[in-house]
């Protein structure tokens, strides 16, 4: 009988393959996305210094409790918008998008489009 592929392992493999090519600098930091079953997290990272510059998630105080479900496209779009506002306040306009091995679809796409609409360029 054939064994079913482990989706988490396949995503981790894709993520490592993408991370070989994507690197965040001080001029163009990396916008990383993590999607769990209940929440979505996004952070802007300077890989040169190894530090997070800006972060937002559905657990952020500004968004927590505003949505009946934090695992839908509307909540992801709100996280993207909040992240863009925080990034612009920190003086960050251009980023490199790291989708972390996830398919550019659904919540990931909603977050990315909201961040673009909020003023980030990638």
N, C-alpha and C. Protein backbone atom coordinates (compact mmCIF):
# COMPACT_ATOMS: atom_id res chain seq x y z
N UNK A 1 0.83 -1.18 0.00
CA UNK A 1 0.00 0.00 0.00
C UNK A 1 0.88 1.26 0.00
N UNK A 2 0.52 2.25 -0.79
CA UNK A 2 1.29 3.49 -0.89
C UNK A 2 1.07 4.36 0.34
N UNK A 3 2.16 4.95 0.80
CA UNK A 3 2.08 5.84 1.95
C UNK A 3 1.76 7.25 1.47
N UNK A 4 0.83 7.92 2.16
CA UNK A 4 0.44 9.27 1.82
C UNK A 4 1.56 10.24 2.20
N UNK A 5 1.89 11.21 1.34
CA UNK A 5 2.95 12.15 1.69
C UNK A 5 2.53 13.07 2.84
N UNK A 6 3.47 13.37 3.71
CA UNK A 6 3.21 14.25 4.85
C UNK A 6 3.23 15.70 4.35
N UNK A 7 2.11 16.39 4.46
CA UNK A 7 2.00 17.74 3.92
C UNK A 7 2.94 18.73 4.62
N UNK A 8 3.13 18.56 5.92
CA UNK A 8 4.02 19.46 6.66
C UNK A 8 5.46 19.31 6.19
N UNK A 9 5.87 18.06 5.95
CA UNK A 9 7.25 17.83 5.48
C UNK A 9 7.45 18.39 4.08
N UNK A 10 6.45 18.22 3.23
CA UNK A 10 6.55 18.75 1.86
C UNK A 10 6.62 20.28 1.88
N UNK A 11 5.83 20.93 2.74
CA UNK A 11 5.86 22.38 2.84
C UNK A 11 7.22 22.85 3.37
N UNK A 12 7.75 22.14 4.36
CA UNK A 12 9.05 22.50 4.91
C UNK A 12 10.14 22.38 3.85
N UNK A 13 10.05 21.38 3.01
CA UNK A 13 11.00 21.21 1.91
C UNK A 13 10.92 22.37 0.92
N UNK A 14 9.67 22.74 0.57
CA UNK A 14 9.48 23.87 -0.34
C UNK A 14 10.01 25.16 0.28
N UNK A 15 9.76 25.31 1.58
CA UNK A 15 10.20 26.52 2.27
C UNK A 15 11.73 26.63 2.25
N UNK A 16 12.43 25.54 2.50
CA UNK A 16 13.89 25.57 2.45
C UNK A 16 14.40 25.90 1.05
N UNK A 17 13.73 25.36 0.04
CA UNK A 17 14.13 25.62 -1.34
C UNK A 17 13.95 27.10 -1.67
N UNK A 18 12.86 27.70 -1.21
CA UNK A 18 12.60 29.11 -1.47
C UNK A 18 13.57 29.98 -0.68
N UNK A 19 13.87 29.60 0.57
CA UNK A 19 14.74 30.41 1.42
C UNK A 19 16.18 30.45 0.94
N UNK A 20 16.57 29.51 0.08
CA UNK A 20 17.90 29.57 -0.52
C UNK A 20 18.03 30.80 -1.40
N UNK A 21 16.94 31.22 -1.99
CA UNK A 21 16.95 32.33 -2.95
C UNK A 21 16.52 33.66 -2.35
N UNK A 22 15.64 33.64 -1.35
CA UNK A 22 15.10 34.87 -0.77
C UNK A 22 15.88 35.23 0.48
N UNK A 23 16.34 36.50 0.53
CA UNK A 23 17.10 36.98 1.66
C UNK A 23 16.72 38.43 1.92
N UNK A 24 16.42 38.75 3.16
CA UNK A 24 16.02 40.10 3.51
C UNK A 24 17.21 40.94 3.96
N UNK A 25 17.33 42.13 3.41
CA UNK A 25 18.40 43.05 3.80
C UNK A 25 17.79 44.26 4.49
N UNK A 26 18.65 45.18 4.91
CA UNK A 26 18.15 46.39 5.57
C UNK A 26 17.35 47.25 4.59
N UNK A 27 17.78 47.29 3.31
CA UNK A 27 17.07 48.09 2.30
C UNK A 27 15.77 47.42 1.88
N UNK A 28 15.76 46.08 1.83
CA UNK A 28 14.59 45.33 1.38
C UNK A 28 14.41 44.12 2.28
N UNK A 29 13.76 44.31 3.44
CA UNK A 29 13.59 43.18 4.36
C UNK A 29 12.59 42.16 3.84
N UNK A 30 12.56 41.01 4.49
CA UNK A 30 11.73 39.88 4.06
C UNK A 30 10.41 39.88 4.83
N UNK A 31 9.30 39.80 4.10
CA UNK A 31 7.97 39.67 4.72
C UNK A 31 7.65 38.19 4.77
N UNK A 32 7.69 37.62 5.97
CA UNK A 32 7.46 36.19 6.16
C UNK A 32 6.05 35.97 6.66
N UNK A 33 5.41 34.89 6.20
CA UNK A 33 4.05 34.55 6.59
C UNK A 33 4.03 33.15 7.17
N UNK A 34 3.32 32.98 8.28
CA UNK A 34 3.08 31.65 8.85
C UNK A 34 1.59 31.49 9.05
N UNK A 35 1.08 30.38 8.61
CA UNK A 35 -0.36 30.11 8.67
C UNK A 35 -0.57 28.88 9.55
N UNK A 36 -1.29 29.05 10.65
CA UNK A 36 -1.65 27.90 11.47
C UNK A 36 -3.13 27.61 11.23
N UNK A 37 -3.64 26.61 11.89
CA UNK A 37 -5.05 26.26 11.69
C UNK A 37 -5.98 27.34 12.25
N UNK A 38 -5.55 28.03 13.29
CA UNK A 38 -6.43 29.01 13.94
C UNK A 38 -6.06 30.46 13.69
N UNK A 39 -4.82 30.75 13.34
CA UNK A 39 -4.36 32.14 13.21
C UNK A 39 -3.43 32.28 12.01
N UNK A 40 -3.11 33.53 11.70
CA UNK A 40 -2.13 33.82 10.66
C UNK A 40 -1.18 34.88 11.21
N UNK A 41 0.10 34.71 10.94
CA UNK A 41 1.14 35.57 11.47
C UNK A 41 1.97 36.11 10.32
N UNK A 42 2.41 37.36 10.43
CA UNK A 42 3.28 37.95 9.41
C UNK A 42 4.31 38.81 10.12
N UNK A 43 5.53 38.76 9.63
CA UNK A 43 6.57 39.60 10.20
C UNK A 43 7.54 40.04 9.12
N UNK A 44 8.12 41.21 9.33
CA UNK A 44 9.12 41.74 8.41
C UNK A 44 10.47 41.59 9.10
N UNK A 45 11.39 40.89 8.42
CA UNK A 45 12.64 40.47 9.04
C UNK A 45 13.84 41.01 8.26
N UNK A 46 14.83 41.51 9.00
CA UNK A 46 16.12 41.89 8.43
C UNK A 46 17.06 40.71 8.68
N UNK A 47 17.37 39.94 7.65
CA UNK A 47 18.20 38.75 7.81
C UNK A 47 19.67 39.08 8.07
N UNK A 48 20.12 40.28 7.69
CA UNK A 48 21.49 40.68 7.97
C UNK A 48 21.73 40.75 9.48
N UNK A 49 20.80 41.39 10.19
CA UNK A 49 20.91 41.52 11.64
C UNK A 49 20.24 40.36 12.37
N UNK A 50 19.39 39.63 11.68
CA UNK A 50 18.68 38.53 12.32
C UNK A 50 17.62 39.01 13.29
N UNK A 51 16.93 40.10 12.93
CA UNK A 51 15.93 40.65 13.84
C UNK A 51 14.62 40.93 13.12
N UNK A 52 13.55 40.86 13.89
CA UNK A 52 12.23 41.18 13.38
C UNK A 52 12.01 42.67 13.54
N UNK A 53 11.65 43.34 12.44
CA UNK A 53 11.44 44.77 12.46
C UNK A 53 10.00 45.12 12.80
N UNK A 54 9.05 44.39 12.19
CA UNK A 54 7.63 44.65 12.40
C UNK A 54 6.91 43.30 12.39
N UNK A 55 5.89 43.17 13.23
CA UNK A 55 5.12 41.93 13.26
C UNK A 55 3.65 42.23 13.47
N UNK A 56 2.80 41.37 12.92
CA UNK A 56 1.35 41.47 13.12
C UNK A 56 0.75 40.09 12.99
N UNK A 57 -0.34 39.86 13.68
CA UNK A 57 -1.04 38.59 13.58
C UNK A 57 -2.48 38.79 14.00
N UNK A 58 -3.26 37.74 13.87
CA UNK A 58 -4.65 37.82 14.32
C UNK A 58 -4.73 37.85 15.84
N UNK A 59 -3.61 37.61 16.51
CA UNK A 59 -3.56 37.70 17.97
C UNK A 59 -3.08 39.06 18.45
N UNK A 60 -2.77 39.97 17.53
CA UNK A 60 -2.34 41.32 17.89
C UNK A 60 -3.48 42.02 18.65
N UNK A 61 -3.14 42.87 19.61
CA UNK A 61 -4.19 43.55 20.39
C UNK A 61 -5.17 44.36 19.52
N UNK A 62 -4.67 44.89 18.39
CA UNK A 62 -5.54 45.69 17.51
C UNK A 62 -6.60 44.84 16.82
N UNK A 63 -6.33 43.55 16.62
CA UNK A 63 -7.24 42.69 15.85
C UNK A 63 -7.92 41.60 16.68
N UNK A 64 -7.38 41.29 17.84
CA UNK A 64 -7.89 40.17 18.62
C UNK A 64 -9.36 40.40 19.00
N UNK A 65 -10.19 39.40 18.68
CA UNK A 65 -11.61 39.46 19.02
C UNK A 65 -12.48 40.20 18.03
N UNK A 66 -11.90 40.77 16.97
CA UNK A 66 -12.71 41.50 15.99
C UNK A 66 -13.40 40.57 14.99
N UNK A 67 -12.89 39.35 14.84
CA UNK A 67 -13.43 38.42 13.86
C UNK A 67 -13.97 37.19 14.57
N UNK A 68 -15.11 36.68 14.12
CA UNK A 68 -15.62 35.45 14.74
C UNK A 68 -14.66 34.28 14.54
N UNK A 69 -13.96 34.27 13.41
CA UNK A 69 -12.96 33.25 13.13
C UNK A 69 -11.70 33.95 12.64
N UNK A 70 -10.58 33.63 13.27
CA UNK A 70 -9.32 34.26 12.89
C UNK A 70 -8.62 33.50 11.77
N UNK A 71 -9.27 32.49 11.22
CA UNK A 71 -8.62 31.67 10.18
C UNK A 71 -9.35 31.78 8.85
N UNK A 72 -9.75 33.02 8.50
CA UNK A 72 -10.38 33.20 7.19
C UNK A 72 -9.70 34.34 6.43
N UNK A 73 -10.14 34.56 5.20
CA UNK A 73 -9.49 35.55 4.35
C UNK A 73 -9.64 36.98 4.86
N UNK A 74 -10.78 37.28 5.47
CA UNK A 74 -11.01 38.63 5.99
C UNK A 74 -10.01 38.95 7.10
N UNK A 75 -9.78 38.00 7.99
CA UNK A 75 -8.82 38.20 9.08
C UNK A 75 -7.41 38.33 8.51
N UNK A 76 -7.08 37.53 7.51
CA UNK A 76 -5.76 37.59 6.89
C UNK A 76 -5.55 38.96 6.22
N UNK A 77 -6.58 39.47 5.58
CA UNK A 77 -6.48 40.78 4.94
C UNK A 77 -6.29 41.87 5.99
N UNK A 78 -6.94 41.74 7.14
CA UNK A 78 -6.77 42.71 8.21
C UNK A 78 -5.34 42.68 8.75
N UNK A 79 -4.75 41.49 8.84
CA UNK A 79 -3.36 41.36 9.29
C UNK A 79 -2.43 42.03 8.27
N UNK A 80 -2.67 41.82 6.98
CA UNK A 80 -1.86 42.45 5.94
C UNK A 80 -1.94 43.97 6.00
N UNK A 81 -3.14 44.48 6.23
CA UNK A 81 -3.33 45.93 6.33
C UNK A 81 -2.62 46.49 7.57
N UNK A 82 -2.76 45.81 8.71
CA UNK A 82 -2.10 46.25 9.93
C UNK A 82 -0.58 46.21 9.79
N UNK A 83 -0.07 45.16 9.15
CA UNK A 83 1.37 45.04 8.94
C UNK A 83 1.89 46.17 8.06
N UNK A 84 1.14 46.50 7.01
CA UNK A 84 1.55 47.60 6.12
C UNK A 84 1.59 48.92 6.87
N UNK A 85 0.59 49.18 7.73
CA UNK A 85 0.58 50.43 8.51
C UNK A 85 1.79 50.50 9.43
N UNK A 86 2.07 49.40 10.13
CA UNK A 86 3.21 49.37 11.05
C UNK A 86 4.53 49.53 10.29
N UNK A 87 4.62 48.92 9.12
CA UNK A 87 5.84 49.01 8.32
C UNK A 87 6.08 50.43 7.82
N UNK A 88 5.03 51.08 7.37
CA UNK A 88 5.18 52.45 6.88
C UNK A 88 5.57 53.39 8.03
N UNK A 89 5.05 53.14 9.24
CA UNK A 89 5.44 53.94 10.40
C UNK A 89 6.92 53.73 10.73
N UNK A 90 7.41 52.50 10.48
CA UNK A 90 8.82 52.19 10.74
C UNK A 90 9.73 52.61 9.58
N UNK A 91 9.15 53.15 8.50
CA UNK A 91 9.94 53.62 7.37
C UNK A 91 10.28 52.53 6.36
N UNK A 92 9.52 51.45 6.35
CA UNK A 92 9.76 50.34 5.42
C UNK A 92 8.71 50.43 4.31
N UNK A 93 9.18 50.52 3.06
CA UNK A 93 8.25 50.56 1.92
C UNK A 93 8.42 49.36 1.01
N UNK A 94 9.65 48.89 0.81
CA UNK A 94 9.92 47.78 -0.11
C UNK A 94 10.30 46.55 0.69
N UNK A 95 9.68 45.42 0.34
CA UNK A 95 9.97 44.15 1.00
C UNK A 95 10.07 43.05 -0.04
N UNK A 96 10.62 41.91 0.40
CA UNK A 96 10.65 40.70 -0.40
C UNK A 96 9.63 39.76 0.22
N UNK A 97 8.71 39.22 -0.57
CA UNK A 97 7.64 38.38 -0.03
C UNK A 97 8.11 36.93 0.07
N UNK A 98 8.02 36.37 1.27
CA UNK A 98 8.37 34.98 1.52
C UNK A 98 7.10 34.26 1.93
N UNK A 99 6.56 33.46 1.03
CA UNK A 99 5.30 32.77 1.31
C UNK A 99 5.51 31.48 2.08
N UNK A 100 6.74 31.17 2.42
CA UNK A 100 7.10 30.06 3.31
C UNK A 100 6.61 28.70 2.82
N UNK A 101 6.63 28.49 1.55
CA UNK A 101 6.25 27.18 1.02
C UNK A 101 4.76 26.99 0.84
N UNK A 102 3.96 27.96 1.25
CA UNK A 102 2.50 27.87 1.07
C UNK A 102 2.15 28.25 -0.36
N UNK A 103 1.06 27.72 -0.85
CA UNK A 103 0.57 28.08 -2.18
C UNK A 103 0.03 29.51 -2.11
N UNK A 104 0.31 30.32 -3.12
CA UNK A 104 -0.17 31.70 -3.17
C UNK A 104 -1.65 31.68 -3.53
N UNK A 105 -2.48 31.46 -2.50
CA UNK A 105 -3.90 31.25 -2.70
C UNK A 105 -4.59 31.45 -1.37
N UNK A 106 -5.82 31.87 -1.37
CA UNK A 106 -6.60 31.96 -0.14
C UNK A 106 -6.07 32.99 0.84
N UNK A 107 -5.77 32.54 2.07
CA UNK A 107 -5.35 33.46 3.13
C UNK A 107 -4.02 34.14 2.84
N UNK A 108 -3.09 33.41 2.24
CA UNK A 108 -1.78 33.98 1.91
C UNK A 108 -1.94 35.09 0.88
N UNK A 109 -2.74 34.84 -0.13
CA UNK A 109 -2.99 35.83 -1.18
C UNK A 109 -3.72 37.05 -0.62
N UNK A 110 -4.70 36.83 0.26
CA UNK A 110 -5.45 37.94 0.86
C UNK A 110 -4.52 38.83 1.68
N UNK A 111 -3.63 38.23 2.45
CA UNK A 111 -2.68 38.99 3.25
C UNK A 111 -1.75 39.80 2.35
N UNK A 112 -1.23 39.17 1.30
CA UNK A 112 -0.29 39.85 0.40
C UNK A 112 -0.96 41.02 -0.32
N UNK A 113 -2.16 40.82 -0.80
CA UNK A 113 -2.86 41.88 -1.53
C UNK A 113 -3.22 43.04 -0.61
N UNK A 114 -3.59 42.75 0.64
CA UNK A 114 -3.90 43.81 1.59
C UNK A 114 -2.64 44.60 1.95
N UNK A 115 -1.51 43.92 2.06
CA UNK A 115 -0.26 44.60 2.36
C UNK A 115 0.14 45.50 1.19
N UNK A 116 -0.06 45.02 -0.03
CA UNK A 116 0.22 45.85 -1.22
C UNK A 116 -0.69 47.07 -1.24
N UNK A 117 -1.98 46.85 -0.97
CA UNK A 117 -2.93 47.96 -0.96
C UNK A 117 -2.61 48.96 0.15
N UNK A 118 -2.00 48.48 1.24
CA UNK A 118 -1.62 49.34 2.35
C UNK A 118 -0.37 50.17 2.07
N UNK A 119 0.34 49.89 0.98
CA UNK A 119 1.48 50.72 0.61
C UNK A 119 2.80 50.00 0.51
N UNK A 120 2.86 48.71 0.80
CA UNK A 120 4.12 47.97 0.66
C UNK A 120 4.34 47.59 -0.79
N UNK A 121 5.59 47.59 -1.21
CA UNK A 121 5.95 47.18 -2.57
C UNK A 121 6.74 45.89 -2.52
N UNK A 122 6.28 44.88 -3.28
CA UNK A 122 7.05 43.65 -3.43
C UNK A 122 6.73 42.98 -4.73
